N, C-alpha and C. Protein backbone atom coordinates (compact mmCIF):
# COMPACT_ATOMS: atom_id res chain seq x y z
N MET A 1 122.43 106.58 59.53
CA MET A 1 121.75 105.59 58.74
C MET A 1 121.36 104.37 59.57
N ALA A 2 122.26 103.93 60.43
CA ALA A 2 121.96 102.76 61.23
C ALA A 2 120.80 103.03 62.18
N ASP A 3 120.71 104.26 62.68
CA ASP A 3 119.61 104.61 63.59
C ASP A 3 118.26 104.52 62.88
N ALA A 4 118.18 105.01 61.64
CA ALA A 4 116.92 104.98 60.89
C ALA A 4 116.50 103.54 60.62
N ALA A 5 117.45 102.67 60.32
CA ALA A 5 117.14 101.28 60.01
C ALA A 5 116.70 100.52 61.26
N SER A 6 117.23 100.89 62.42
CA SER A 6 116.90 100.15 63.63
C SER A 6 115.51 100.48 64.17
N LYS A 7 114.91 101.57 63.73
CA LYS A 7 113.59 101.95 64.21
C LYS A 7 112.48 101.10 63.60
N GLY A 8 112.76 100.39 62.53
CA GLY A 8 111.76 99.56 61.89
C GLY A 8 110.93 100.37 60.91
N PRO A 9 109.98 99.72 60.26
CA PRO A 9 109.19 100.42 59.26
C PRO A 9 108.26 101.44 59.91
N ALA A 10 108.29 102.64 59.39
CA ALA A 10 107.42 103.70 59.91
C ALA A 10 106.06 103.61 59.22
N VAL A 11 105.02 103.94 59.96
CA VAL A 11 103.67 103.93 59.41
C VAL A 11 103.37 105.33 58.90
N PRO A 12 103.01 105.47 57.62
CA PRO A 12 102.72 106.80 57.09
C PRO A 12 101.49 107.42 57.75
N LEU A 13 101.57 108.73 58.02
CA LEU A 13 100.44 109.48 58.55
C LEU A 13 99.49 109.84 57.41
N SER A 14 98.24 110.09 57.76
CA SER A 14 97.33 110.65 56.77
C SER A 14 97.64 112.14 56.70
N ILE A 15 97.22 112.79 55.63
CA ILE A 15 97.48 114.22 55.46
C ILE A 15 96.83 115.02 56.59
N ARG A 16 95.67 114.61 57.07
CA ARG A 16 94.98 115.32 58.15
C ARG A 16 95.70 115.21 59.48
N GLU A 17 96.60 114.26 59.63
CA GLU A 17 97.31 114.04 60.90
C GLU A 17 98.65 114.77 60.98
N LEU A 18 99.03 115.50 59.94
CA LEU A 18 100.35 116.12 59.92
C LEU A 18 100.52 117.14 61.04
N PRO A 19 101.69 117.16 61.67
CA PRO A 19 101.95 118.18 62.69
C PRO A 19 102.20 119.53 62.02
N GLU A 20 102.29 120.57 62.81
CA GLU A 20 102.52 121.91 62.27
C GLU A 20 103.89 122.01 61.61
N ARG A 21 104.88 121.35 62.19
CA ARG A 21 106.22 121.29 61.59
C ARG A 21 106.97 120.08 62.11
N GLY A 22 107.95 119.65 61.32
CA GLY A 22 108.77 118.51 61.71
C GLY A 22 108.88 117.49 60.59
N ARG A 23 109.70 116.47 60.79
CA ARG A 23 109.90 115.42 59.79
C ARG A 23 108.75 114.43 59.87
N VAL A 24 108.18 114.09 58.70
CA VAL A 24 107.06 113.16 58.66
C VAL A 24 107.17 112.22 57.46
N LEU A 25 106.49 111.11 57.59
CA LEU A 25 106.27 110.17 56.50
C LEU A 25 104.76 110.15 56.31
N CYS A 26 104.29 110.48 55.11
CA CYS A 26 102.85 110.52 54.88
C CYS A 26 102.54 109.91 53.52
N ARG A 27 101.24 109.76 53.27
CA ARG A 27 100.78 109.10 52.06
C ARG A 27 99.50 109.78 51.60
N GLY A 28 99.36 109.98 50.29
CA GLY A 28 98.16 110.61 49.77
C GLY A 28 98.11 110.57 48.25
N PHE A 29 97.05 111.16 47.72
CA PHE A 29 96.82 111.20 46.28
C PHE A 29 97.00 112.63 45.78
N ILE A 30 97.56 112.78 44.59
CA ILE A 30 97.74 114.10 44.01
C ILE A 30 96.41 114.58 43.47
N GLU A 31 95.99 115.74 43.96
CA GLU A 31 94.75 116.36 43.52
C GLU A 31 95.00 117.28 42.33
N ALA A 32 96.12 118.01 42.35
CA ALA A 32 96.43 118.97 41.29
C ALA A 32 97.93 119.19 41.22
N VAL A 33 98.41 119.56 40.03
CA VAL A 33 99.82 119.94 39.86
C VAL A 33 99.87 121.31 39.19
N THR A 34 100.94 122.05 39.46
CA THR A 34 101.14 123.36 38.87
C THR A 34 102.52 123.39 38.23
N TYR A 35 102.55 123.77 36.97
CA TYR A 35 103.81 123.90 36.24
C TYR A 35 104.20 125.36 36.19
N ALA A 36 105.44 125.69 36.55
CA ALA A 36 105.92 127.07 36.49
C ALA A 36 106.28 127.41 35.06
N PRO A 37 105.91 128.61 34.59
CA PRO A 37 106.28 129.01 33.23
C PRO A 37 107.79 129.20 33.11
N ALA A 38 108.28 129.18 31.89
CA ALA A 38 109.72 129.28 31.65
C ALA A 38 110.30 130.60 32.13
N SER A 39 109.47 131.64 32.27
CA SER A 39 109.96 132.95 32.71
C SER A 39 110.15 133.02 34.23
N GLN A 40 109.72 132.00 34.97
CA GLN A 40 109.85 131.99 36.43
C GLN A 40 110.88 130.95 36.86
N VAL A 41 111.25 131.03 38.13
CA VAL A 41 112.18 130.06 38.71
C VAL A 41 111.55 128.67 38.60
N ALA A 42 112.36 127.68 38.27
CA ALA A 42 111.86 126.31 38.12
C ALA A 42 111.36 125.77 39.46
N ALA A 43 110.08 125.41 39.49
CA ALA A 43 109.48 124.79 40.67
C ALA A 43 108.25 124.01 40.22
N PHE A 44 108.13 122.80 40.70
CA PHE A 44 107.01 121.93 40.37
C PHE A 44 106.21 121.75 41.65
N THR A 45 104.92 122.06 41.62
CA THR A 45 104.08 122.04 42.82
C THR A 45 102.94 121.06 42.65
N ALA A 46 102.66 120.30 43.70
CA ALA A 46 101.52 119.37 43.70
C ALA A 46 100.75 119.56 45.00
N ILE A 47 99.43 119.38 44.92
CA ILE A 47 98.58 119.37 46.11
C ILE A 47 98.21 117.92 46.37
N VAL A 48 98.52 117.43 47.56
CA VAL A 48 98.28 116.04 47.93
C VAL A 48 97.16 116.00 48.96
N VAL A 49 96.22 115.07 48.78
CA VAL A 49 95.08 114.92 49.69
C VAL A 49 94.98 113.47 50.14
N ASP A 50 94.21 113.27 51.22
CA ASP A 50 93.93 111.92 51.70
C ASP A 50 92.95 111.23 50.76
N HIS A 51 93.03 109.93 50.74
CA HIS A 51 92.02 109.13 50.04
C HIS A 51 90.75 109.19 50.89
N GLU A 52 89.60 109.22 50.25
CA GLU A 52 88.33 109.21 50.99
C GLU A 52 88.28 107.98 51.87
N GLY A 53 87.86 108.17 53.12
CA GLY A 53 87.72 107.05 54.04
C GLY A 53 88.99 106.69 54.78
N THR A 54 90.08 107.49 54.63
CA THR A 54 91.30 107.21 55.37
C THR A 54 91.04 107.45 56.85
N PRO A 55 91.29 106.45 57.72
CA PRO A 55 91.04 106.66 59.15
C PRO A 55 92.05 107.64 59.74
N VAL A 56 91.59 108.48 60.63
CA VAL A 56 92.45 109.44 61.31
C VAL A 56 92.70 108.92 62.72
N ARG A 57 93.99 108.73 63.08
CA ARG A 57 94.34 108.18 64.39
C ARG A 57 94.22 109.24 65.48
N ALA A 58 94.68 110.45 65.20
CA ALA A 58 94.63 111.52 66.21
C ALA A 58 94.63 112.85 65.48
N LYS A 59 93.89 113.81 66.01
CA LYS A 59 93.83 115.13 65.41
C LYS A 59 95.04 115.93 65.87
N PRO A 60 95.76 116.59 64.93
CA PRO A 60 96.93 117.36 65.33
C PRO A 60 96.55 118.55 66.20
N ALA A 61 97.35 118.82 67.20
CA ALA A 61 97.08 119.94 68.10
C ALA A 61 97.65 121.22 67.51
N GLY A 62 96.97 122.32 67.76
CA GLY A 62 97.53 123.60 67.38
C GLY A 62 97.03 124.20 66.09
N ARG A 63 96.39 123.44 65.21
CA ARG A 63 95.87 124.03 63.98
C ARG A 63 94.74 123.19 63.44
N ALA A 64 93.88 123.83 62.69
CA ALA A 64 92.79 123.11 62.03
C ALA A 64 93.35 122.40 60.81
N SER A 65 93.02 121.16 60.63
CA SER A 65 93.53 120.39 59.52
C SER A 65 92.75 120.69 58.25
N THR A 66 93.47 120.94 57.18
CA THR A 66 92.84 121.22 55.89
C THR A 66 92.67 119.95 55.07
N GLY A 67 93.42 118.91 55.42
CA GLY A 67 93.37 117.68 54.63
C GLY A 67 94.12 117.80 53.31
N ARG A 68 94.90 118.88 53.16
CA ARG A 68 95.66 119.11 51.94
C ARG A 68 97.11 119.43 52.31
N LEU A 69 98.03 118.97 51.47
CA LEU A 69 99.47 119.22 51.66
C LEU A 69 100.03 119.75 50.35
N ARG A 70 100.73 120.88 50.42
CA ARG A 70 101.40 121.43 49.23
C ARG A 70 102.81 120.84 49.21
N VAL A 71 103.21 120.28 48.07
CA VAL A 71 104.55 119.72 47.91
C VAL A 71 105.23 120.49 46.79
N ILE A 72 106.43 121.02 47.07
CA ILE A 72 107.15 121.83 46.08
C ILE A 72 108.53 121.23 45.86
N TRP A 73 108.82 120.93 44.59
CA TRP A 73 110.15 120.48 44.21
C TRP A 73 110.82 121.66 43.52
N LEU A 74 111.80 122.26 44.18
CA LEU A 74 112.53 123.39 43.62
C LEU A 74 113.53 122.91 42.58
N GLY A 75 113.71 123.69 41.53
CA GLY A 75 114.67 123.33 40.49
C GLY A 75 114.15 122.32 39.49
N ARG A 76 112.89 121.97 39.56
CA ARG A 76 112.29 120.99 38.64
C ARG A 76 111.11 121.63 37.93
N ARG A 77 110.96 121.39 36.66
CA ARG A 77 109.79 121.88 35.92
C ARG A 77 108.71 120.80 35.83
N ARG A 78 109.12 119.55 35.90
CA ARG A 78 108.17 118.44 35.93
C ARG A 78 108.89 117.22 36.49
N ILE A 79 108.10 116.25 36.97
CA ILE A 79 108.67 115.00 37.47
C ILE A 79 107.89 113.87 36.80
N PRO A 80 108.55 113.03 36.02
CA PRO A 80 107.85 111.93 35.34
C PRO A 80 107.11 111.05 36.35
N GLY A 81 105.86 110.72 36.02
CA GLY A 81 105.05 109.84 36.87
C GLY A 81 104.23 110.55 37.90
N ILE A 82 104.51 111.84 38.13
CA ILE A 82 103.72 112.59 39.11
C ILE A 82 102.71 113.43 38.36
N ALA A 83 101.44 113.04 38.51
CA ALA A 83 100.33 113.71 37.84
C ALA A 83 99.09 113.55 38.71
N ALA A 84 98.05 114.32 38.40
CA ALA A 84 96.81 114.22 39.16
C ALA A 84 96.31 112.78 39.16
N GLY A 85 95.94 112.28 40.33
CA GLY A 85 95.46 110.92 40.48
C GLY A 85 96.50 109.93 40.97
N SER A 86 97.78 110.27 40.89
CA SER A 86 98.84 109.37 41.36
C SER A 86 98.84 109.32 42.88
N GLU A 87 99.20 108.15 43.42
CA GLU A 87 99.34 108.00 44.87
C GLU A 87 100.83 108.03 45.21
N LEU A 88 101.18 108.81 46.24
CA LEU A 88 102.57 108.97 46.65
C LEU A 88 102.76 108.68 48.12
N ARG A 89 103.97 108.24 48.45
CA ARG A 89 104.43 108.22 49.84
C ARG A 89 105.53 109.27 49.90
N LEU A 90 105.44 110.19 50.84
CA LEU A 90 106.36 111.32 50.95
C LEU A 90 107.08 111.29 52.29
N ASP A 91 108.37 111.63 52.27
CA ASP A 91 109.17 111.68 53.48
C ASP A 91 109.94 113.00 53.46
N GLY A 92 109.65 113.87 54.42
CA GLY A 92 110.35 115.15 54.44
C GLY A 92 109.91 116.01 55.60
N MET A 93 110.41 117.25 55.58
CA MET A 93 110.08 118.22 56.62
C MET A 93 108.84 118.99 56.21
N VAL A 94 107.88 119.08 57.12
CA VAL A 94 106.66 119.82 56.84
C VAL A 94 106.70 121.13 57.62
N THR A 95 106.21 122.18 57.00
CA THR A 95 106.10 123.49 57.63
C THR A 95 104.84 124.16 57.13
N GLU A 96 104.43 125.21 57.78
CA GLU A 96 103.22 125.94 57.38
C GLU A 96 103.64 127.08 56.45
N ARG A 97 102.97 127.20 55.28
CA ARG A 97 103.25 128.29 54.35
C ARG A 97 101.94 128.74 53.72
N ASP A 98 101.60 129.99 53.87
CA ASP A 98 100.35 130.56 53.34
C ASP A 98 99.13 129.76 53.77
N GLY A 99 99.13 129.29 55.02
CA GLY A 99 97.99 128.59 55.57
C GLY A 99 97.88 127.12 55.21
N LEU A 100 98.83 126.59 54.43
CA LEU A 100 98.81 125.16 54.07
C LEU A 100 100.08 124.48 54.57
N PRO A 101 99.96 123.26 55.08
CA PRO A 101 101.19 122.51 55.37
C PRO A 101 101.94 122.30 54.06
N THR A 102 103.26 122.49 54.08
CA THR A 102 104.06 122.46 52.86
C THR A 102 105.33 121.66 53.09
N MET A 103 105.73 120.89 52.07
CA MET A 103 107.00 120.16 52.06
C MET A 103 107.82 120.62 50.86
N PHE A 104 109.10 120.87 51.09
CA PHE A 104 110.00 121.22 50.00
C PHE A 104 110.93 120.04 49.71
N ASN A 105 111.03 119.67 48.45
CA ASN A 105 111.95 118.63 47.97
C ASN A 105 111.93 117.35 48.81
N PRO A 106 110.75 116.76 49.04
CA PRO A 106 110.71 115.53 49.85
C PRO A 106 111.21 114.33 49.05
N ARG A 107 111.59 113.30 49.77
CA ARG A 107 111.80 112.00 49.13
C ARG A 107 110.41 111.48 48.81
N TYR A 108 110.27 110.79 47.70
CA TYR A 108 108.94 110.32 47.32
C TYR A 108 109.02 108.95 46.67
N GLU A 109 107.92 108.25 46.77
CA GLU A 109 107.76 106.95 46.11
C GLU A 109 106.39 106.98 45.44
N ILE A 110 106.35 106.68 44.15
CA ILE A 110 105.08 106.61 43.44
C ILE A 110 104.49 105.23 43.71
N LEU A 111 103.31 105.21 44.35
CA LEU A 111 102.68 103.94 44.72
C LEU A 111 101.72 103.44 43.66
N SER A 112 101.04 104.36 42.98
CA SER A 112 100.14 103.97 41.90
C SER A 112 99.95 105.14 40.96
N ARG A 113 99.42 104.84 39.81
CA ARG A 113 99.18 105.85 38.81
C ARG A 113 97.77 105.70 38.27
N GLN A 114 97.14 106.82 37.95
CA GLN A 114 95.80 106.76 37.36
C GLN A 114 95.94 106.23 35.95
N GLU A 115 95.04 105.33 35.57
CA GLU A 115 95.07 104.75 34.24
C GLU A 115 94.73 105.80 33.18
N GLU A 116 95.46 105.75 32.06
CA GLU A 116 95.16 106.64 30.94
C GLU A 116 93.86 106.19 30.29
N GLN A 117 93.03 107.15 29.89
CA GLN A 117 91.74 106.78 29.29
C GLN A 117 91.70 107.10 27.83
């Protein structure tokens, strides 16, 4: 814990900058959510994308960037406040799954929510 605090505030990466695997802090908007039916194992999935116009500092080596991140919370059927249009900051391990960078059970912070109409 002391080591993490001594490094100072980390700057979140854009979704397009994510490495192929490893621990990352990133930020993006939820494009879509998927609810698992009651007959399947509980898992809540969201697709996170960059905001239009997000500057890219460096292109990740080794793979073409899709600009999309799949986030899966195992054991959850829904998470209050997480819906299409919400902005999140995510902290977790990223890996490649079915051609998309994927995070399982990341720490998250809801930064904004889309207004109800």
